[in-house]
C-alpha atoms as a PDB file:
ATOM      1  CA  MET A   1     -92.559   1.374-127.499  1.00  0.00           C
ATOM      2  CA  ILE A   2     -91.037   4.301-125.550  1.00  0.00           C
ATOM      3  CA  HIS A   3     -91.041   7.582-127.512  1.00  0.00           C
ATOM      4  CA  SER A   4     -90.066   9.969-124.719  1.00  0.00           C
ATOM      5  CA  ARG A   5     -86.671   9.120-123.270  1.00  0.00           C
ATOM      6  CA  ASN A   6     -85.208  11.614-120.783  1.00  0.00           C
ATOM      7  CA  ARG A   7     -81.819   9.934-120.954  1.00  0.00           C
ATOM      8  CA  ARG A   8     -81.303  11.306-124.495  1.00  0.00           C
ATOM      9  CA  LEU A   9     -80.304  14.601-122.889  1.00  0.00           C
ATOM     10  CA  ARG A  10     -77.794  12.889-120.574  1.00  0.00           C
ATOM     11  CA  VAL A  11     -75.837  10.921-123.187  1.00  0.00           C
ATOM     12  CA  ASN A  12     -72.568  12.876-122.805  1.00  0.00           C
ATOM     13  CA  GLU A  13     -71.125  15.938-121.095  1.00  0.00           C
ATOM     14  CA  SER A  14     -71.612  18.177-124.119  1.00  0.00           C
ATOM     15  CA  ILE A  15     -75.346  17.515-124.176  1.00  0.00           C
ATOM     16  CA  ARG A  16     -75.635  17.715-120.397  1.00  0.00           C
ATOM     17  CA  SER A  17     -73.903  21.111-120.378  1.00  0.00           C
ATOM     18  CA  LEU A  18     -76.106  22.323-123.254  1.00  0.00           C
ATOM     19  CA  VAL A  19     -79.324  21.819-121.263  1.00  0.00           C
ATOM     20  CA  ARG A  20     -77.913  22.610-117.826  1.00  0.00           C
ATOM     21  CA  GLU A  21     -80.205  24.868-115.785  1.00  0.00           C
ATOM     22  CA  ASN A  22     -77.752  26.374-113.287  1.00  0.00           C
ATOM     23  CA  ILE A  23     -74.112  27.342-113.728  1.00  0.00           C
ATOM     24  CA  LEU A  24     -71.742  28.097-110.855  1.00  0.00           C
ATOM     25  CA  THR A  25     -69.147  30.849-111.429  1.00  0.00           C
ATOM     26  CA  THR A  26     -66.672  32.792-109.320  1.00  0.00           C
ATOM     27  CA  ASP A  27     -69.026  35.795-109.564  1.00  0.00           C
ATOM     28  CA  ASP A  28     -71.378  33.948-107.187  1.00  0.00           C
ATOM     29  CA  PHE A  29     -68.959  33.899-104.238  1.00  0.00           C
ATOM     30  CA  VAL A  30     -68.461  36.106-101.202  1.00  0.00           C
ATOM     31  CA  MET A  31     -65.469  35.110 -99.074  1.00  0.00           C
ATOM     32  CA  PRO A  32     -65.794  35.595 -95.288  1.00  0.00           C
ATOM     33  CA  ILE A  33     -62.503  36.839 -93.839  1.00  0.00           C
ATOM     34  CA  PHE A  34     -61.289  36.941 -90.229  1.00  0.00           C
ATOM     35  CA  VAL A  35     -58.993  39.820 -89.259  1.00  0.00           C
ATOM     36  CA  MET A  36     -56.756  40.141 -86.193  1.00  0.00           C
ATOM     37  CA  GLU A  37     -54.453  42.760 -84.709  1.00  0.00           C
ATOM     38  CA  GLY A  38     -50.749  42.909 -85.488  1.00  0.00           C
ATOM     39  CA  GLU A  39     -48.523  42.829 -88.537  1.00  0.00           C
ATOM     40  CA  ASN A  40     -47.487  39.839 -90.636  1.00  0.00           C
ATOM     41  CA  GLN A  41     -49.610  37.669 -88.346  1.00  0.00           C
ATOM     42  CA  GLN A  42     -51.531  34.563 -89.353  1.00  0.00           C
ATOM     43  CA  GLU A  43     -53.264  32.033 -87.111  1.00  0.00           C
ATOM     44  CA  ALA A  44     -54.877  28.809 -88.283  1.00  0.00           C
ATOM     45  CA  ILE A  45     -58.408  28.058 -87.099  1.00  0.00           C
ATOM     46  CA  PRO A  46     -58.258  24.385 -86.040  1.00  0.00           C
ATOM     47  CA  SER A  47     -61.962  23.669 -86.578  1.00  0.00           C
ATOM     48  CA  MET A  48     -61.847  25.148 -90.093  1.00  0.00           C
ATOM     49  CA  PRO A  49     -58.923  23.591 -91.985  1.00  0.00           C
ATOM     50  CA  GLY A  50     -57.449  26.019 -94.493  1.00  0.00           C
ATOM     51  CA  ILE A  51     -59.036  29.113 -92.908  1.00  0.00           C
ATOM     52  CA  PHE A  52     -56.978  31.677 -90.984  1.00  0.00           C
ATOM     53  CA  ARG A  53     -57.143  34.820 -88.920  1.00  0.00           C
ATOM     54  CA  ARG A  54     -54.817  37.365 -90.526  1.00  0.00           C
ATOM     55  CA  SER A  55     -53.466  40.821 -89.723  1.00  0.00           C
ATOM     56  CA  ILE A  56     -54.469  43.654 -92.050  1.00  0.00           C
ATOM     57  CA  ASP A  57     -51.370  43.448 -94.253  1.00  0.00           C
ATOM     58  CA  LEU A  58     -51.864  39.732 -94.913  1.00  0.00           C
ATOM     59  CA  THR A  59     -55.607  40.260 -95.335  1.00  0.00           C
ATOM     60  CA  VAL A  60     -54.882  42.734 -98.121  1.00  0.00           C
ATOM     61  CA  LYS A  61     -52.546  40.216 -99.751  1.00  0.00           C
ATOM     62  CA  GLU A  62     -55.282  37.576 -99.541  1.00  0.00           C
ATOM     63  CA  CYS A  63     -57.814  39.955-101.095  1.00  0.00           C
ATOM     64  CA  LYS A  64     -55.505  40.603-104.020  1.00  0.00           C
ATOM     65  CA  GLU A  65     -55.210  36.867-104.633  1.00  0.00           C
ATOM     66  CA  LEU A  66     -58.964  36.356-104.311  1.00  0.00           C
ATOM     67  CA  PHE A  67     -59.646  39.119-106.824  1.00  0.00           C
ATOM     68  CA  SER A  68     -57.155  37.607-109.282  1.00  0.00           C
ATOM     69  CA  LEU A  69     -59.089  34.324-109.019  1.00  0.00           C
ATOM     70  CA  GLY A  70     -62.375  36.057-109.798  1.00  0.00           C
ATOM     71  CA  VAL A  71     -63.760  36.351-106.255  1.00  0.00           C
ATOM     72  CA  LYS A  72     -64.832  39.988-106.128  1.00  0.00           C
ATOM     73  CA  SER A  73     -66.575  40.254-102.749  1.00  0.00           C
ATOM     74  CA  VAL A  74     -65.443  39.775 -99.143  1.00  0.00           C
ATOM     75  CA  ASN A  75     -67.331  39.732 -95.849  1.00  0.00           C
ATOM     76  CA  LEU A  76     -65.274  41.004 -92.887  1.00  0.00           C
ATOM     77  CA  TYR A  77     -65.162  39.852 -89.246  1.00  0.00           C
ATOM     78  CA  MET A  78     -62.868  41.169 -86.534  1.00  0.00           C
ATOM     79  CA  LYS A  79     -61.110  39.298 -83.720  1.00  0.00           C
ATOM     80  CA  VAL A  80     -61.378  42.053 -81.127  1.00  0.00           C
ATOM     81  CA  SER A  81     -58.942  42.325 -78.220  1.00  0.00           C
ATOM     82  CA  GLU A  82     -60.534  41.616 -74.842  1.00  0.00           C
ATOM     83  CA  HIS A  83     -59.638  45.001 -73.390  1.00  0.00           C
ATOM     84  CA  LEU A  84     -61.721  46.705 -76.105  1.00  0.00           C
ATOM     85  CA  LYS A  85     -64.915  44.796 -75.298  1.00  0.00           C
ATOM     86  CA  ASP A  86     -67.724  46.212 -73.169  1.00  0.00           C
ATOM     87  CA  ASN A  87     -71.537  46.238 -73.049  1.00  0.00           C
ATOM     88  CA  THR A  88     -71.965  49.207 -75.391  1.00  0.00           C
ATOM     89  CA  GLY A  89     -70.011  47.988 -78.412  1.00  0.00           C
ATOM     90  CA  LYS A  90     -68.494  51.451 -78.831  1.00  0.00           C
ATOM     91  CA  GLU A  91     -65.291  50.041 -80.348  1.00  0.00           C
ATOM     92  CA  ALA A  92     -67.467  48.999 -83.303  1.00  0.00           C
ATOM     93  CA  TRP A  93     -67.701  52.609 -84.502  1.00  0.00           C
ATOM     94  CA  ASN A  94     -64.182  53.708 -83.613  1.00  0.00           C
ATOM     95  CA  LYS A  95     -62.989  55.497 -86.768  1.00  0.00           C
ATOM     96  CA  ASP A  96     -59.504  54.087 -86.120  1.00  0.00           C
ATOM     97  CA  GLY A  97     -60.741  50.633 -85.142  1.00  0.00           C
ATOM     98  CA  LEU A  98     -59.567  47.364 -86.647  1.00  0.00           C
ATOM     99  CA  MET A  99     -62.623  47.053 -88.915  1.00  0.00           C
ATOM    100  CA  GLN A 100     -62.350  50.598 -90.208  1.00  0.00           C
ATOM    101  CA  GLN A 101     -58.634  50.249 -90.904  1.00  0.00           C
ATOM    102  CA  THR A 102     -59.242  46.960 -92.695  1.00  0.00           C
ATOM    103  CA  ILE A 103     -61.974  48.381 -94.932  1.00  0.00           C
ATOM    104  CA  LYS A 104     -59.755  51.311 -95.941  1.00  0.00           C
ATOM    105  CA  ALA A 105     -56.743  49.093 -96.606  1.00  0.00           C
ATOM    106  CA  ILE A 106     -58.683  46.701 -98.841  1.00  0.00           C
ATOM    107  CA  LYS A 107     -60.397  49.453-100.820  1.00  0.00           C
ATOM    108  CA  ASP A 108     -57.068  51.245-101.327  1.00  0.00           C
ATOM    109  CA  ALA A 109     -55.299  48.086-102.515  1.00  0.00           C
ATOM    110  CA  VAL A 110     -58.144  46.462-104.477  1.00  0.00           C
ATOM    111  CA  PRO A 111     -60.641  49.205-105.430  1.00  0.00           C
ATOM    112  CA  GLY A 112     -62.809  46.776-107.386  1.00  0.00           C
ATOM    113  CA  MET A 113     -63.340  44.469-104.407  1.00  0.00           C
ATOM    114  CA  ILE A 114     -66.822  44.702-102.893  1.00  0.00           C
ATOM    115  CA  VAL A 115     -66.328  45.027 -99.134  1.00  0.00           C
ATOM    116  CA  MET A 116     -69.192  43.905 -96.890  1.00  0.00           C
ATOM    117  CA  PRO A 117     -68.398  44.352 -93.185  1.00  0.00           C
ATOM    118  CA  ASP A 118     -70.426  42.402 -90.655  1.00  0.00           C
ATOM    119  CA  VAL A 119     -72.704  44.560 -88.519  1.00  0.00           C
ATOM    120  CA  ALA A 120     -73.281  42.990 -85.090  1.00  0.00           C
ATOM    121  CA  LEU A 121     -72.036  43.655 -81.590  1.00  0.00           C
ATOM    122  CA  ASP A 122     -71.031  40.136 -80.516  1.00  0.00           C
ATOM    123  CA  PRO A 123     -67.291  40.493 -81.344  1.00  0.00           C
ATOM    124  CA  TYR A 124     -67.262  43.719 -79.306  1.00  0.00           C
ATOM    125  CA  SER A 125     -69.422  42.520 -76.402  1.00  0.00           C
ATOM    126  CA  ILE A 126     -68.108  41.289 -73.058  1.00  0.00           C
ATOM    127  CA  TYR A 127     -71.129  38.975 -73.072  1.00  0.00           C
ATOM    128  CA  GLY A 128     -70.734  37.580 -76.602  1.00  0.00           C
ATOM    129  CA  HIS A 129     -74.233  38.666 -77.599  1.00  0.00           C
ATOM    130  CA  ASP A 130     -75.353  40.599 -80.655  1.00  0.00           C
ATOM    131  CA  GLY A 131     -76.978  43.296 -78.549  1.00  0.00           C
ATOM    132  CA  ILE A 132     -76.669  45.491 -75.488  1.00  0.00           C
ATOM    133  CA  ILE A 133     -77.777  43.816 -72.266  1.00  0.00           C
ATOM    134  CA  GLU A 134     -79.862  45.474 -69.570  1.00  0.00           C
ATOM    135  CA  ASN A 135     -81.334  43.647 -66.592  1.00  0.00           C
ATOM    136  CA  GLY A 136     -80.378  40.296 -68.079  1.00  0.00           C
ATOM    137  CA  LYS A 137     -82.095  40.918 -71.440  1.00  0.00           C
ATOM    138  CA  ILE A 138     -80.895  41.924 -74.893  1.00  0.00           C
ATOM    139  CA  VAL A 139     -82.496  45.321 -75.483  1.00  0.00           C
ATOM    140  CA  ASN A 140     -83.660  45.918 -79.021  1.00  0.00           C
ATOM    141  CA  ASP A 141     -83.896  49.659 -79.665  1.00  0.00           C
ATOM    142  CA  ALA A 142     -80.689  50.696 -77.894  1.00  0.00           C
ATOM    143  CA  THR A 143     -78.905  48.012 -79.892  1.00  0.00           C
ATOM    144  CA  ASN A 144     -80.343  49.424 -83.122  1.00  0.00           C
ATOM    145  CA  GLU A 145     -78.853  52.822 -82.311  1.00  0.00           C
ATOM    146  CA  ALA A 146     -75.446  51.187 -81.866  1.00  0.00           C
ATOM    147  CA  LEU A 147     -75.804  49.220 -85.109  1.00  0.00           C
ATOM    148  CA  ALA A 148     -76.703  52.397 -86.999  1.00  0.00           C
ATOM    149  CA  ARG A 149     -73.575  54.157 -85.686  1.00  0.00           C
ATOM    150  CA  MET A 150     -71.518  51.108 -86.591  1.00  0.00           C
ATOM    151  CA  SER A 151     -72.914  51.059 -90.142  1.00  0.00           C
ATOM    152  CA  VAL A 152     -72.231  54.751 -90.747  1.00  0.00           C
ATOM    153  CA  SER A 153     -68.675  54.222 -89.493  1.00  0.00           C
ATOM    154  CA  HIS A 154     -68.234  51.383 -91.986  1.00  0.00           C
ATOM    155  CA  ALA A 155     -69.583  53.554 -94.782  1.00  0.00           C
ATOM    156  CA  GLU A 156     -67.194  56.359 -93.849  1.00  0.00           C
ATOM    157  CA  ALA A 157     -64.322  53.878 -94.089  1.00  0.00           C
ATOM    158  CA  GLY A 158     -65.372  52.905 -97.621  1.00  0.00           C
ATOM    159  CA  ALA A 159     -67.687  49.897 -97.268  1.00  0.00           C
ATOM    160  CA  ASP A 160     -69.833  49.145-100.320  1.00  0.00           C
ATOM    161  CA  ILE A 161     -72.527  47.182 -98.473  1.00  0.00           C
ATOM    162  CA  VAL A 162     -73.183  46.789 -94.746  1.00  0.00           C
ATOM    163  CA  ALA A 163     -74.388  43.403 -93.537  1.00  0.00           C
ATOM    164  CA  PRO A 164     -76.402  43.449 -90.282  1.00  0.00           C
ATOM    165  CA  SER A 165     -76.433  39.919 -88.882  1.00  0.00           C
ATOM    166  CA  ASP A 166     -77.888  40.660 -85.441  1.00  0.00           C
ATOM    167  CA  MET A 167     -81.623  39.928 -85.956  1.00  0.00           C
ATOM    168  CA  MET A 168     -82.887  42.901 -83.926  1.00  0.00           C
ATOM    169  CA  ASP A 169     -86.358  44.128 -84.915  1.00  0.00           C
ATOM    170  CA  GLY A 170     -86.322  47.307 -86.986  1.00  0.00           C
ATOM    171  CA  ARG A 171     -82.571  47.531 -87.390  1.00  0.00           C
ATOM    172  CA  VAL A 172     -82.693  47.740 -91.203  1.00  0.00           C
ATOM    173  CA  LEU A 173     -84.820  50.886 -90.992  1.00  0.00           C
ATOM    174  CA  ALA A 174     -82.541  52.383 -88.331  1.00  0.00           C
ATOM    175  CA  ILE A 175     -79.464  51.687 -90.458  1.00  0.00           C
ATOM    176  CA  ARG A 176     -81.070  52.910 -93.698  1.00  0.00           C
ATOM    177  CA  GLU A 177     -82.161  56.177 -92.114  1.00  0.00           C
ATOM    178  CA  ALA A 178     -78.731  56.726 -90.545  1.00  0.00           C
ATOM    179  CA  LEU A 179     -76.979  56.091 -93.860  1.00  0.00           C
ATOM    180  CA  GLU A 180     -79.335  58.432 -95.719  1.00  0.00           C
ATOM    181  CA  GLU A 181     -78.944  61.201 -93.143  1.00  0.00           C
ATOM    182  CA  SER A 182     -75.155  60.852 -93.366  1.00  0.00           C
ATOM    183  CA  GLY A 183     -75.169  61.105 -97.153  1.00  0.00           C
ATOM    184  CA  PHE A 184     -74.397  57.445 -97.896  1.00  0.00           C
ATOM    185  CA  THR A 185     -77.316  56.875-100.240  1.00  0.00           C
ATOM    186  CA  ASP A 186     -75.327  54.453-102.413  1.00  0.00           C
ATOM    187  CA  VAL A 187     -74.239  52.137 -99.586  1.00  0.00           C
ATOM    188  CA  GLY A 188     -76.337  48.978 -99.710  1.00  0.00           C
ATOM    189  CA  ILE A 189     -77.785  46.861 -96.914  1.00  0.00           C
ATOM    190  CA  LEU A 190     -77.506  43.097 -97.048  1.00  0.00           C
ATOM    191  CA  SER A 191     -79.835  42.018 -94.263  1.00  0.00           C
ATOM    192  CA  TYR A 192     -79.600  38.694 -92.483  1.00  0.00           C
ATOM    193  CA  SER A 193     -83.377  38.436 -92.631  1.00  0.00           C
ATOM    194  CA  ALA A 194     -83.782  34.735 -91.879  1.00  0.00           C
ATOM    195  CA  LYS A 195     -80.931  33.872 -89.550  1.00  0.00           C
ATOM    196  CA  TYR A 196     -81.679  30.820 -87.473  1.00  0.00           C
ATOM    197  CA  ALA A 197     -80.420  29.914 -84.009  1.00  0.00           C
ATOM    198  CA  SER A 198     -78.293  27.070 -85.314  1.00  0.00           C
ATOM    199  CA  SER A 199     -75.784  24.564 -84.002  1.00  0.00           C
ATOM    200  CA  PHE A 200     -73.836  24.936 -87.255  1.00  0.00           C
ATOM    201  CA  TYR A 201     -72.118  28.167 -86.134  1.00  0.00           C
ATOM    202  CA  GLY A 202     -69.724  26.552 -83.658  1.00  0.00           C
ATOM    203  CA  PRO A 203     -66.421  26.849 -85.577  1.00  0.00           C
ATOM    204  CA  PHE A 204     -67.159  30.487 -86.429  1.00  0.00           C
ATOM    205  CA  ARG A 205     -67.674  31.447 -82.793  1.00  0.00           C
ATOM    206  CA  SER A 206     -64.417  29.800 -81.803  1.00  0.00           C
ATOM    207  CA  ALA A 207     -62.665  31.726 -84.571  1.00  0.00           C
ATOM    208  CA  LEU A 208     -63.768  35.066 -83.103  1.00  0.00           C
ATOM    209  CA  ASP A 209     -64.241  34.078 -79.465  1.00  0.00           C
ATOM    210  CA  SER A 210     -67.761  35.483 -79.812  1.00  0.00           C
ATOM    211  CA  ALA A 211     -69.888  32.758 -78.242  1.00  0.00           C
ATOM    212  CA  PRO A 212     -72.322  33.867 -75.490  1.00  0.00           C
ATOM    213  CA  LYS A 213     -70.630  33.761 -72.116  1.00  0.00           C
ATOM    214  CA  ASP A 214     -71.795  31.138 -69.628  1.00  0.00           C
ATOM    215  CA  SER A 215     -73.557  33.179 -66.954  1.00  0.00           C
ATOM    216  CA  MET A 216     -76.718  32.903 -64.896  1.00  0.00           C
ATOM    217  CA  GLU A 217     -77.335  36.624 -65.411  1.00  0.00           C
ATOM    218  CA  ILE A 218     -77.673  36.647 -69.187  1.00  0.00           C
ATOM    219  CA  PRO A 219     -79.232  34.410 -71.879  1.00  0.00           C
ATOM    220  CA  LYS A 220     -77.068  31.355 -72.501  1.00  0.00           C
ATOM    221  CA  ASP A 221     -77.843  31.335 -76.219  1.00  0.00           C
ATOM    222  CA  LYS A 222     -79.203  33.592 -78.988  1.00  0.00           C
ATOM    223  CA  LYS A 223     -82.682  32.121 -79.238  1.00  0.00           C
ATOM    224  CA  THR A 224     -84.438  35.286 -78.060  1.00  0.00           C
ATOM    225  CA  TYR A 225     -83.444  37.049 -81.283  1.00  0.00           C
ATOM    226  CA  GLN A 226     -82.307  34.479 -83.861  1.00  0.00           C
ATOM    227  CA  MET A 227     -85.052  32.386 -85.452  1.00  0.00           C
ATOM    228  CA  ASP A 228     -86.395  29.059 -84.212  1.00  0.00           C
ATOM    229  CA  PHE A 229     -85.186  26.348 -86.595  1.00  0.00           C
ATOM    230  CA  HIS A 230     -88.563  24.611 -86.369  1.00  0.00           C
ATOM    231  CA  ASN A 231     -90.208  27.466 -88.301  1.00  0.00           C
ATOM    232  CA  SER A 232     -90.569  28.159 -91.996  1.00  0.00           C
ATOM    233  CA  ARG A 233     -93.409  30.657 -92.539  1.00  0.00           C
ATOM    234  CA  GLU A 234     -91.805  33.013 -90.033  1.00  0.00           C
ATOM    235  CA  ALA A 235     -88.911  33.502 -92.446  1.00  0.00           C
ATOM    236  CA  LEU A 236     -91.184  35.197 -94.973  1.00  0.00           C
ATOM    237  CA  ASN A 237     -92.478  37.544 -92.296  1.00  0.00           C
ATOM    238  CA  GLU A 238     -88.907  38.569 -91.462  1.00  0.00           C
ATOM    239  CA  VAL A 239     -87.992  38.973 -95.135  1.00  0.00           C
ATOM    240  CA  PHE A 240     -90.985  41.140 -96.013  1.00  0.00           C
ATOM    241  CA  LYS A 241     -90.373  43.446 -93.052  1.00  0.00           C
ATOM    242  CA  ASP A 242     -86.713  43.935 -93.998  1.00  0.00           C
ATOM    243  CA  ILE A 243     -87.653  44.730 -97.590  1.00  0.00           C
ATOM    244  CA  GLU A 244     -90.157  47.328 -96.378  1.00  0.00           C
ATOM    245  CA  GLU A 245     -87.431  48.886 -94.215  1.00  0.00           C
ATOM    246  CA  GLY A 246     -85.012  49.266 -97.119  1.00  0.00           C
ATOM    247  CA  ALA A 247     -82.942  46.080 -97.443  1.00  0.00           C
ATOM    248  CA  ASP A 248     -81.277  45.659-100.843  1.00  0.00           C
ATOM    249  CA  ILE A 249     -80.254  42.004-100.494  1.00  0.00           C
ATOM    250  CA  ILE A 250     -81.799  39.291 -98.341  1.00  0.00           C
ATOM    251  CA  MET A 251     -79.657  36.732 -96.478  1.00  0.00           C
ATOM    252  CA  ILE A 252     -80.669  33.249 -95.351  1.00  0.00           C
ATOM    253  CA  LYS A 253     -78.402  31.519 -92.838  1.00  0.00           C
ATOM    254  CA  PRO A 254     -77.381  28.673 -92.440  1.00  0.00           C
ATOM    255  CA  GLY A 255     -77.285  27.205 -95.939  1.00  0.00           C
ATOM    256  CA  LEU A 256     -77.473  23.513 -96.766  1.00  0.00           C
ATOM    257  CA  PRO A 257     -79.944  22.476 -94.011  1.00  0.00           C
ATOM    258  CA  TYR A 258     -82.151  25.457 -95.016  1.00  0.00           C
ATOM    259  CA  LEU A 259     -82.483  25.070 -98.789  1.00  0.00           C
ATOM    260  CA  ASP A 260     -86.256  24.853 -98.332  1.00  0.00           C
ATOM    261  CA  ILE A 261     -86.179  28.394 -96.899  1.00  0.00           C
ATOM    262  CA  VAL A 262     -84.065  29.636 -99.815  1.00  0.00           C
ATOM    263  CA  SER A 263     -86.546  28.148-102.278  1.00  0.00           C
ATOM    264  CA  LYS A 264     -89.585  29.501-100.409  1.00  0.00           C
ATOM    265  CA  VAL A 265     -88.138  33.026-100.263  1.00  0.00           C
ATOM    266  CA  ARG A 266     -87.100  32.866-103.931  1.00  0.00           C
ATOM    267  CA  GLU A 267     -90.686  32.182-104.949  1.00  0.00           C
ATOM    268  CA  ALA A 268     -91.911  35.143-102.887  1.00  0.00           C
ATOM    269  CA  ILE A 269     -89.488  37.982-103.743  1.00  0.00           C
ATOM    270  CA  ASP A 270     -87.565  39.497-106.649  1.00  0.00           C
ATOM    271  CA  LEU A 271     -84.687  40.998-104.646  1.00  0.00           C
ATOM    272  CA  PRO A 272     -81.271  39.310-104.743  1.00  0.00           C
ATOM    273  CA  ILE A 273     -80.920  36.458-102.254  1.00  0.00           C
ATOM    274  CA  ALA A 274     -77.715  35.572-100.441  1.00  0.00           C
ATOM    275  CA  VAL A 275     -77.160  32.312 -98.600  1.00  0.00           C
ATOM    276  CA  TYR A 276     -74.466  31.567 -96.025  1.00  0.00           C
ATOM    277  CA  ASN A 277     -72.637  28.249 -96.316  1.00  0.00           C
ATOM    278  CA  VAL A 278     -71.665  28.421 -92.644  1.00  0.00           C
ATOM    279  CA  SER A 279     -68.620  27.251 -90.710  1.00  0.00           C
ATOM    280  CA  GLY A 280     -70.183  24.014 -89.494  1.00  0.00           C
ATOM    281  CA  GLU A 281     -71.091  23.010 -93.038  1.00  0.00           C
ATOM    282  CA  TYR A 282     -67.547  23.802 -94.152  1.00  0.00           C
ATOM    283  CA  ALA A 283     -66.027  21.833 -91.265  1.00  0.00           C
ATOM    284  CA  MET A 284     -68.144  18.742 -91.954  1.00  0.00           C
ATOM    285  CA  VAL A 285     -67.118  18.568 -95.609  1.00  0.00           C
ATOM    286  CA  LYS A 286     -63.464  19.113 -94.737  1.00  0.00           C
ATOM    287  CA  ALA A 287     -63.499  16.450 -92.011  1.00  0.00           C
ATOM    288  CA  ALA A 288     -65.131  13.902 -94.295  1.00  0.00           C
ATOM    289  CA  ALA A 289     -62.747  14.700 -97.165  1.00  0.00           C
ATOM    290  CA  GLN A 290     -59.683  14.439 -94.937  1.00  0.00           C
ATOM    291  CA  ASN A 291     -60.849  10.996 -93.853  1.00  0.00           C
ATOM    292  CA  GLY A 292     -61.332   9.908 -97.455  1.00  0.00           C
ATOM    293  CA  TRP A 293     -65.106   9.606 -97.074  1.00  0.00           C
ATOM    294  CA  LEU A 294     -65.897  12.270 -99.701  1.00  0.00           C
ATOM    295  CA  ASP A 295     -64.205  13.679-102.778  1.00  0.00           C
ATOM    296  CA  ASN A 296     -63.254  17.193-101.650  1.00  0.00           C
ATOM    297  CA  ASP A 297     -63.473  19.043-104.977  1.00  0.00           C
ATOM    298  CA  LYS A 298     -66.599  17.347-106.292  1.00  0.00           C
ATOM    299  CA  THR A 299     -68.445  17.789-102.995  1.00  0.00           C
ATOM    300  CA  ILE A 300     -67.582  21.497-102.850  1.00  0.00           C
ATOM    301  CA  ILE A 301     -68.870  22.207-106.345  1.00  0.00           C
ATOM    302  CA  GLU A 302     -72.000  20.095-105.879  1.00  0.00           C
ATOM    303  CA  SER A 303     -72.839  21.757-102.561  1.00  0.00           C
ATOM    304  CA  LEU A 304     -72.379  25.273-103.890  1.00  0.00           C
ATOM    305  CA  THR A 305     -74.363  24.526-107.041  1.00  0.00           C
ATOM    306  CA  CYS A 306     -77.260  23.364-104.863  1.00  0.00           C
ATOM    307  CA  PHE A 307     -77.550  26.898-103.498  1.00  0.00           C
ATOM    308  CA  LYS A 308     -77.924  28.262-107.024  1.00  0.00           C
ATOM    309  CA  ARG A 309     -80.510  25.597-107.851  1.00  0.00           C
ATOM    310  CA  ALA A 310     -82.519  26.535-104.765  1.00  0.00           C
ATOM    311  CA  GLY A 311     -82.613  30.168-105.904  1.00  0.00           C
ATOM    312  CA  ALA A 312     -79.659  31.973-104.325  1.00  0.00           C
ATOM    313  CA  ASP A 313     -77.941  34.725-106.294  1.00  0.00           C
ATOM    314  CA  MET A 314     -74.786  34.835-104.147  1.00  0.00           C
ATOM    315  CA  ILE A 315     -73.083  32.458-101.760  1.00  0.00           C
ATOM    316  CA  PHE A 316     -71.113  33.410 -98.675  1.00  0.00           C
ATOM    317  CA  THR A 317     -68.727  30.500 -98.323  1.00  0.00           C
ATOM    318  CA  TYR A 318     -65.354  29.628 -96.814  1.00  0.00           C
ATOM    319  CA  PHE A 319     -64.888  27.483 -99.918  1.00  0.00           C
ATOM    320  CA  ALA A 320     -64.811  30.591-102.152  1.00  0.00           C
ATOM    321  CA  LYS A 321     -61.081  30.618-102.833  1.00  0.00           C
ATOM    322  CA  GLU A 322     -60.810  26.864-103.211  1.00  0.00           C
ATOM    323  CA  ALA A 323     -63.920  26.678-105.374  1.00  0.00           C
ATOM    324  CA  ALA A 324     -62.573  29.461-107.603  1.00  0.00           C
ATOM    325  CA  MET A 325     -59.379  27.482-108.114  1.00  0.00           C
ATOM    326  CA  ILE A 326     -61.392  24.375-109.012  1.00  0.00           C
ATOM    327  CA  LEU A 327     -63.597  26.261-111.463  1.00  0.00           C
ATOM    328  CA  ASN A 328     -60.630  28.063-113.025  1.00  0.00           C
ATOM    329  CA  ARG A 329     -58.939  24.728-113.663  1.00  0.00           C
END
């Protein structure tokens, strides 16, 4: 005779919810947002159905709606005009630049919104790389100086947390020291500690026109600084170094194909962990749902819950607004 029956705790939804280990809420979400020049401008991103590039005024409107739905954090990316790009990234710390204006506008309109601007040079680079290029190579330390200036500029504009996504060595320390010296002791650093050189970023790069340029003179991809997707232990090395340098939150990117990394890092550290449900993951779910191969709403909630189960504290996801609507229903 069977005395122990696990199915007793699965009999109905009330019991299942009573013993449920992980709960997904709107507080878990960070919405990535693409911003463009102009006024009252909105452009659809074909590879990411339902996602748009918006001018600042419409971005502010979107942030108000997100906040009303319970999504209290946004991650900002700029679509930079070609004439502003060079090999120094100097537009990235222009106090009147598109990013700085956007940060100020959001904080003025929605003071409670946590604003996390992306810190990387690729949108500002004529080469589409995350760093400054010299003699055909991405140079580390000069790039760190640029990233530190960029971060201080974001803090001056009102950013709550800066999010370096570049994967240069030592950039967290450079940014932390620059913020401290400038008096921004309360501005946090969310470090992309384990960011892999992934094929899942394609739709994102088309959204910002930030893919590496095809040239014999420069690296054709980002594998000299982003992590090798074959590796797992290396992620812990990156995470520990960023924590030592002053990171407040640790990011793992991409998401769904890297849940083993999320789980491994969760077991090793006590700091908050963020995970990025990247553009390629979003596009795959949307394509399958549009073809009737998956249930859109159920797949979204299941996917996002998996991040919580693996150990993530927050989820950067293009599903944030849609997921909030589903949960609020």
